[in-house]
Amino acid sequence: MIYVFKTSVDNQTKFESASALLNQLLPESQWNFDLEDCDNILRVDSELNVAELLQNNTIFDCIELE
């Protein structure tokens, strides 16, 4: 399933922190950021419930888009 999130990842430092978290939480999933988009989009392709996993992270804010 593809999940799409609006995020607060807007610079290299936040990207590196978010990447480390995503690699830890979702080792079998594919993900990418579009930091050129005004909403700093994160797309995740995963069989896991990604929204639930990211809901309480303290690294970056994210809101699932429909």
PDB file of N, CA and C in Angstrom:
ATOM      1  N   MET A   1       0.850  -1.171   0.000  1.00  0.00           N
ATOM      2  CA  MET A   1       0.000   0.000   0.000  1.00  0.00           C
ATOM      3  C   MET A   1       0.899   1.239   0.000  1.00  0.00           C
ATOM      4  N   ILE A   2       0.465   2.270  -0.704  1.00  0.00           N
ATOM      5  CA  ILE A   2       1.207   3.532  -0.761  1.00  0.00           C
ATOM      6  C   ILE A   2       0.578   4.520   0.230  1.00  0.00           C
ATOM      7  N   TYR A   3       1.405   5.050   1.099  1.00  0.00           N
ATOM      8  CA  TYR A   3       0.991   6.087   2.049  1.00  0.00           C
ATOM      9  C   TYR A   3       1.653   7.391   1.632  1.00  0.00           C
ATOM     10  N   VAL A   4       0.932   8.501   1.783  1.00  0.00           N
ATOM     11  CA  VAL A   4       1.467   9.817   1.439  1.00  0.00           C
ATOM     12  C   VAL A   4       1.247  10.739   2.627  1.00  0.00           C
ATOM     13  N   PHE A   5       2.316  11.437   3.021  1.00  0.00           N
ATOM     14  CA  PHE A   5       2.277  12.312   4.187  1.00  0.00           C
ATOM     15  C   PHE A   5       2.812  13.698   3.864  1.00  0.00           C
ATOM     16  N   LYS A   6       2.209  14.696   4.464  1.00  0.00           N
ATOM     17  CA  LYS A   6       2.767  16.045   4.512  1.00  0.00           C
ATOM     18  C   LYS A   6       3.678  16.041   5.729  1.00  0.00           C
ATOM     19  N   THR A   7       4.921  16.560   5.587  1.00  0.00           N
ATOM     20  CA  THR A   7       5.862  16.484   6.707  1.00  0.00           C
ATOM     21  C   THR A   7       6.510  17.832   7.022  1.00  0.00           C
ATOM     22  N   SER A   8       7.222  17.842   8.135  1.00  0.00           N
ATOM     23  CA  SER A   8       8.000  19.017   8.538  1.00  0.00           C
ATOM     24  C   SER A   8       9.474  18.879   8.148  1.00  0.00           C
ATOM     25  N   VAL A   9       9.797  17.894   7.331  1.00  0.00           N
ATOM     26  CA  VAL A   9      11.188  17.671   6.904  1.00  0.00           C
ATOM     27  C   VAL A   9      11.502  18.658   5.785  1.00  0.00           C
ATOM     28  N   ASP A  10      12.236  19.715   6.132  1.00  0.00           N
ATOM     29  CA  ASP A  10      12.477  20.778   5.154  1.00  0.00           C
ATOM     30  C   ASP A  10      13.948  21.167   5.006  1.00  0.00           C
ATOM     31  N   ASN A  11      14.841  20.353   5.593  1.00  0.00           N
ATOM     32  CA  ASN A  11      16.270  20.619   5.413  1.00  0.00           C
ATOM     33  C   ASN A  11      17.062  19.325   5.558  1.00  0.00           C
ATOM     34  N   GLN A  12      18.346  19.389   5.286  1.00  0.00           N
ATOM     35  CA  GLN A  12      19.185  18.200   5.255  1.00  0.00           C
ATOM     36  C   GLN A  12      19.283  17.530   6.632  1.00  0.00           C
ATOM     37  N   THR A  13      19.386  18.309   7.681  1.00  0.00           N
ATOM     38  CA  THR A  13      19.494  17.747   9.033  1.00  0.00           C
ATOM     39  C   THR A  13      18.243  16.960   9.395  1.00  0.00           C
ATOM     40  N   LYS A  14      17.076  17.540   9.138  1.00  0.00           N
ATOM     41  CA  LYS A  14      15.821  16.834   9.415  1.00  0.00           C
ATOM     42  C   LYS A  14      15.689  15.596   8.525  1.00  0.00           C
ATOM     43  N   PHE A  15      16.137  15.710   7.266  1.00  0.00           N
ATOM     44  CA  PHE A  15      16.081  14.575   6.356  1.00  0.00           C
ATOM     45  C   PHE A  15      16.917  13.413   6.885  1.00  0.00           C
ATOM     46  N   GLU A  16      18.118  13.705   7.344  1.00  0.00           N
ATOM     47  CA  GLU A  16      18.998  12.655   7.857  1.00  0.00           C
ATOM     48  C   GLU A  16      18.396  11.987   9.093  1.00  0.00           C
ATOM     49  N   SER A  17      17.815  12.765   9.996  1.00  0.00           N
ATOM     50  CA  SER A  17      17.175  12.201  11.186  1.00  0.00           C
ATOM     51  C   SER A  17      15.956  11.368  10.807  1.00  0.00           C
ATOM     52  N   ALA A  18      15.143  11.882   9.896  1.00  0.00           N
ATOM     53  CA  ALA A  18      13.956  11.158   9.446  1.00  0.00           C
ATOM     54  C   ALA A  18      14.346   9.874   8.723  1.00  0.00           C
ATOM     55  N   SER A  19      15.397   9.922   7.918  1.00  0.00           N
ATOM     56  CA  SER A  19      15.859   8.742   7.194  1.00  0.00           C
ATOM     57  C   SER A  19      16.283   7.636   8.151  1.00  0.00           C
ATOM     58  N   ALA A  20      17.016   8.009   9.192  1.00  0.00           N
ATOM     59  CA  ALA A  20      17.452   7.020  10.179  1.00  0.00           C
ATOM     60  C   ALA A  20      16.246   6.369  10.848  1.00  0.00           C
ATOM     61  N   LEU A  21      15.252   7.172  11.208  1.00  0.00           N
ATOM     62  CA  LEU A  21      14.040   6.640  11.829  1.00  0.00           C
ATOM     63  C   LEU A  21      13.288   5.721  10.881  1.00  0.00           C
ATOM     64  N   LEU A  22      13.097   6.151   9.639  1.00  0.00           N
ATOM     65  CA  LEU A  22      12.368   5.339   8.662  1.00  0.00           C
ATOM     66  C   LEU A  22      13.089   4.028   8.371  1.00  0.00           C
ATOM     67  N   ASN A  23      14.402   4.072   8.275  1.00  0.00           N
ATOM     68  CA  ASN A  23      15.159   2.842   8.042  1.00  0.00           C
ATOM     69  C   ASN A  23      15.024   1.875   9.217  1.00  0.00           C
ATOM     70  N   GLN A  24      14.929   2.416  10.418  1.00  0.00           N
ATOM     71  CA  GLN A  24      14.767   1.587  11.614  1.00  0.00           C
ATOM     72  C   GLN A  24      13.355   1.012  11.705  1.00  0.00           C
ATOM     73  N   LEU A  25      12.333   1.856  11.498  1.00  0.00           N
ATOM     74  CA  LEU A  25      10.940   1.422  11.636  1.00  0.00           C
ATOM     75  C   LEU A  25      10.447   0.586  10.458  1.00  0.00           C
ATOM     76  N   LEU A  26      10.970   0.869   9.271  1.00  0.00           N
ATOM     77  CA  LEU A  26      10.445   0.263   8.047  1.00  0.00           C
ATOM     78  C   LEU A  26      11.564  -0.360   7.207  1.00  0.00           C
ATOM     79  N   PRO A  27      12.300  -1.318   7.758  1.00  0.00           N
ATOM     80  CA  PRO A  27      13.455  -1.852   7.022  1.00  0.00           C
ATOM     81  C   PRO A  27      13.107  -2.574   5.724  1.00  0.00           C
ATOM     82  N   GLU A  28      11.904  -3.068   5.602  1.00  0.00           N
ATOM     83  CA  GLU A  28      11.501  -3.812   4.405  1.00  0.00           C
ATOM     84  C   GLU A  28      10.662  -2.964   3.441  1.00  0.00           C
ATOM     85  N   SER A  29      10.507  -1.687   3.742  1.00  0.00           N
ATOM     86  CA  SER A  29       9.643  -0.808   2.944  1.00  0.00           C
ATOM     87  C   SER A  29      10.468   0.142   2.094  1.00  0.00           C
ATOM     88  N   GLN A  30       9.842   0.652   1.047  1.00  0.00           N
ATOM     89  CA  GLN A  30      10.467   1.658   0.195  1.00  0.00           C
ATOM     90  C   GLN A  30       9.829   3.000   0.539  1.00  0.00           C
ATOM     91  N   TRP A  31      10.638   4.050   0.634  1.00  0.00           N
ATOM     92  CA  TRP A  31      10.122   5.372   0.948  1.00  0.00           C
ATOM     93  C   TRP A  31      10.977   6.435   0.257  1.00  0.00           C
ATOM     94  N   ASN A  32      10.383   7.623   0.079  1.00  0.00           N
ATOM     95  CA  ASN A  32      11.144   8.753  -0.456  1.00  0.00           C
ATOM     96  C   ASN A  32      10.468  10.051  -0.069  1.00  0.00           C
ATOM     97  N   PHE A  33      11.262  11.102  -0.021  1.00  0.00           N
ATOM     98  CA  PHE A  33      10.779  12.454   0.258  1.00  0.00           C
ATOM     99  C   PHE A  33      10.823  13.269  -1.022  1.00  0.00           C
ATOM    100  N   ASP A  34       9.860  14.163  -1.173  1.00  0.00           N
ATOM    101  CA  ASP A  34       9.883  15.167  -2.229  1.00  0.00           C
ATOM    102  C   ASP A  34       9.987  16.514  -1.532  1.00  0.00           C
ATOM    103  N   LEU A  35      11.216  16.947  -1.274  1.00  0.00           N
ATOM    104  CA  LEU A  35      11.432  18.180  -0.524  1.00  0.00           C
ATOM    105  C   LEU A  35      11.268  19.424  -1.387  1.00  0.00           C
ATOM    106  N   GLU A  36      11.077  19.241  -2.675  1.00  0.00           N
ATOM    107  CA  GLU A  36      10.799  20.381  -3.547  1.00  0.00           C
ATOM    108  C   GLU A  36       9.316  20.713  -3.560  1.00  0.00           C
ATOM    109  N   ASP A  37       8.494  19.807  -3.072  1.00  0.00           N
ATOM    110  CA  ASP A  37       7.063  20.046  -2.945  1.00  0.00           C
ATOM    111  C   ASP A  37       6.839  20.941  -1.719  1.00  0.00           C
ATOM    112  N   CYS A  38       5.876  21.830  -1.783  1.00  0.00           N
ATOM    113  CA  CYS A  38       5.619  22.756  -0.674  1.00  0.00           C
ATOM    114  C   CYS A  38       5.212  22.036   0.611  1.00  0.00           C
ATOM    115  N   ASP A  39       4.727  20.805   0.502  1.00  0.00           N
ATOM    116  CA  ASP A  39       4.314  20.037   1.676  1.00  0.00           C
ATOM    117  C   ASP A  39       5.371  19.032   2.128  1.00  0.00           C
ATOM    118  N   ASN A  40       6.557  19.064   1.516  1.00  0.00           N
ATOM    119  CA  ASN A  40       7.650  18.143   1.896  1.00  0.00           C
ATOM    120  C   ASN A  40       7.140  16.713   2.000  1.00  0.00           C
ATOM    121  N   ILE A  41       6.615  16.235   0.905  1.00  0.00           N
ATOM    122  CA  ILE A  41       5.900  14.953   0.843  1.00  0.00           C
ATOM    123  C   ILE A  41       6.819  13.760   1.137  1.00  0.00           C
ATOM    124  N   LEU A  42       6.283  12.852   1.935  1.00  0.00           N
ATOM    125  CA  LEU A  42       6.891  11.544   2.172  1.00  0.00           C
ATOM    126  C   LEU A  42       5.952  10.499   1.587  1.00  0.00           C
ATOM    127  N   ARG A  43       6.491   9.639   0.719  1.00  0.00           N
ATOM    128  CA  ARG A  43       5.725   8.518   0.167  1.00  0.00           C
ATOM    129  C   ARG A  43       6.346   7.232   0.677  1.00  0.00           C
ATOM    130  N   VAL A  44       5.497   6.331   1.159  1.00  0.00           N
ATOM    131  CA  VAL A  44       5.973   5.055   1.684  1.00  0.00           C
ATOM    132  C   VAL A  44       5.176   3.935   1.036  1.00  0.00           C
ATOM    133  N   ASP A  45       5.891   2.946   0.527  1.00  0.00           N
ATOM    134  CA  ASP A  45       5.274   1.740  -0.016  1.00  0.00           C
ATOM    135  C   ASP A  45       5.546   0.628   0.990  1.00  0.00           C
ATOM    136  N   SER A  46       4.490   0.207   1.695  1.00  0.00           N
ATOM    137  CA  SER A  46       4.678  -0.769   2.767  1.00  0.00           C
ATOM    138  C   SER A  46       3.403  -1.555   3.008  1.00  0.00           C
ATOM    139  N   GLU A  47       3.571  -2.772   3.501  1.00  0.00           N
ATOM    140  CA  GLU A  47       2.442  -3.596   3.916  1.00  0.00           C
ATOM    141  C   GLU A  47       2.060  -3.303   5.365  1.00  0.00           C
ATOM    142  N   LEU A  48       2.917  -2.579   6.084  1.00  0.00           N
ATOM    143  CA  LEU A  48       2.654  -2.228   7.477  1.00  0.00           C
ATOM    144  C   LEU A  48       1.734  -1.015   7.553  1.00  0.00           C
ATOM    145  N   ASN A  49       1.145  -0.794   8.712  1.00  0.00           N
ATOM    146  CA  ASN A  49       0.328   0.398   8.937  1.00  0.00           C
ATOM    147  C   ASN A  49       1.275   1.543   9.285  1.00  0.00           C
ATOM    148  N   VAL A  50       1.776   2.211   8.279  1.00  0.00           N
ATOM    149  CA  VAL A  50       2.788   3.237   8.436  1.00  0.00           C
ATOM    150  C   VAL A  50       2.256   4.428   9.232  1.00  0.00           C
ATOM    151  N   ALA A  51       1.038   4.814   9.010  1.00  0.00           N
ATOM    152  CA  ALA A  51       0.466   5.960   9.719  1.00  0.00           C
ATOM    153  C   ALA A  51       0.524   5.725  11.222  1.00  0.00           C
ATOM    154  N   GLU A  52       0.221   4.534  11.640  1.00  0.00           N
ATOM    155  CA  GLU A  52       0.248   4.204  13.064  1.00  0.00           C
ATOM    156  C   GLU A  52       1.681   4.230  13.601  1.00  0.00           C
ATOM    157  N   LEU A  53       2.618   3.726  12.830  1.00  0.00           N
ATOM    158  CA  LEU A  53       4.016   3.701  13.260  1.00  0.00           C
ATOM    159  C   LEU A  53       4.606   5.105  13.396  1.00  0.00           C
ATOM    160  N   LEU A  54       4.232   6.006  12.518  1.00  0.00           N
ATOM    161  CA  LEU A  54       4.802   7.351  12.518  1.00  0.00           C
ATOM    162  C   LEU A  54       4.050   8.340  13.399  1.00  0.00           C
ATOM    163  N   GLN A  55       2.901   7.948  13.873  1.00  0.00           N
ATOM    164  CA  GLN A  55       2.012   8.848  14.606  1.00  0.00           C
ATOM    165  C   GLN A  55       2.691   9.525  15.797  1.00  0.00           C
ATOM    166  N   ASN A  56       3.452   8.794  16.570  1.00  0.00           N
ATOM    167  CA  ASN A  56       4.027   9.352  17.802  1.00  0.00           C
ATOM    168  C   ASN A  56       5.533   9.561  17.734  1.00  0.00           C
ATOM    169  N   ASN A  57       6.077   9.676  16.522  1.00  0.00           N
ATOM    170  CA  ASN A  57       7.525   9.886  16.437  1.00  0.00           C
ATOM    171  C   ASN A  57       7.855  11.315  16.863  1.00  0.00           C
ATOM    172  N   THR A  58       9.051  11.492  17.416  1.00  0.00           N
ATOM    173  CA  THR A  58       9.471  12.810  17.895  1.00  0.00           C
ATOM    174  C   THR A  58      10.494  13.463  16.970  1.00  0.00           C
ATOM    175  N   ILE A  59      10.755  12.834  15.830  1.00  0.00           N
ATOM    176  CA  ILE A  59      11.767  13.338  14.898  1.00  0.00           C
ATOM    177  C   ILE A  59      11.184  14.366  13.932  1.00  0.00           C
ATOM    178  N   PHE A  60       9.989  14.079  13.400  1.00  0.00           N
ATOM    179  CA  PHE A  60       9.358  15.004  12.456  1.00  0.00           C
ATOM    180  C   PHE A  60       7.844  14.872  12.524  1.00  0.00           C
ATOM    181  N   ASP A  61       7.161  15.955  12.168  1.00  0.00           N
ATOM    182  CA  ASP A  61       5.706  15.954  12.112  1.00  0.00           C
ATOM    183  C   ASP A  61       5.268  15.387  10.773  1.00  0.00           C
ATOM    184  N   CYS A  62       4.179  14.647  10.775  1.00  0.00           N
ATOM    185  CA  CYS A  62       3.632  14.163   9.515  1.00  0.00           C
ATOM    186  C   CYS A  62       2.115  13.984   9.630  1.00  0.00           C
ATOM    187  N   ILE A  63       1.453  14.317   8.546  1.00  0.00           N
ATOM    188  CA  ILE A  63       0.003  14.200   8.465  1.00  0.00           C
ATOM    189  C   ILE A  63      -0.298  13.392   7.211  1.00  0.00           C
ATOM    190  N   GLU A  64      -1.048  12.310   7.392  1.00  0.00           N
ATOM    191  CA  GLU A  64      -1.382  11.471   6.239  1.00  0.00           C
ATOM    192  C   GLU A  64      -2.356  12.206   5.321  1.00  0.00           C
ATOM    193  N   LEU A  65      -2.073  12.171   4.034  1.00  0.00           N
ATOM    194  CA  LEU A  65      -2.940  12.759   3.028  1.00  0.00           C
ATOM    195  C   LEU A  65      -3.743  11.655   2.354  1.00  0.00           C
ATOM    196  N   GLU A  66      -4.906  12.001   1.890  1.00  0.00           N
ATOM    197  CA  GLU A  66      -5.749  11.008   1.207  1.00  0.00           C
ATOM    198  C   GLU A  66      -5.601  11.095  -0.281  1.00  0.00           C
TER     199      GLU A  66
END
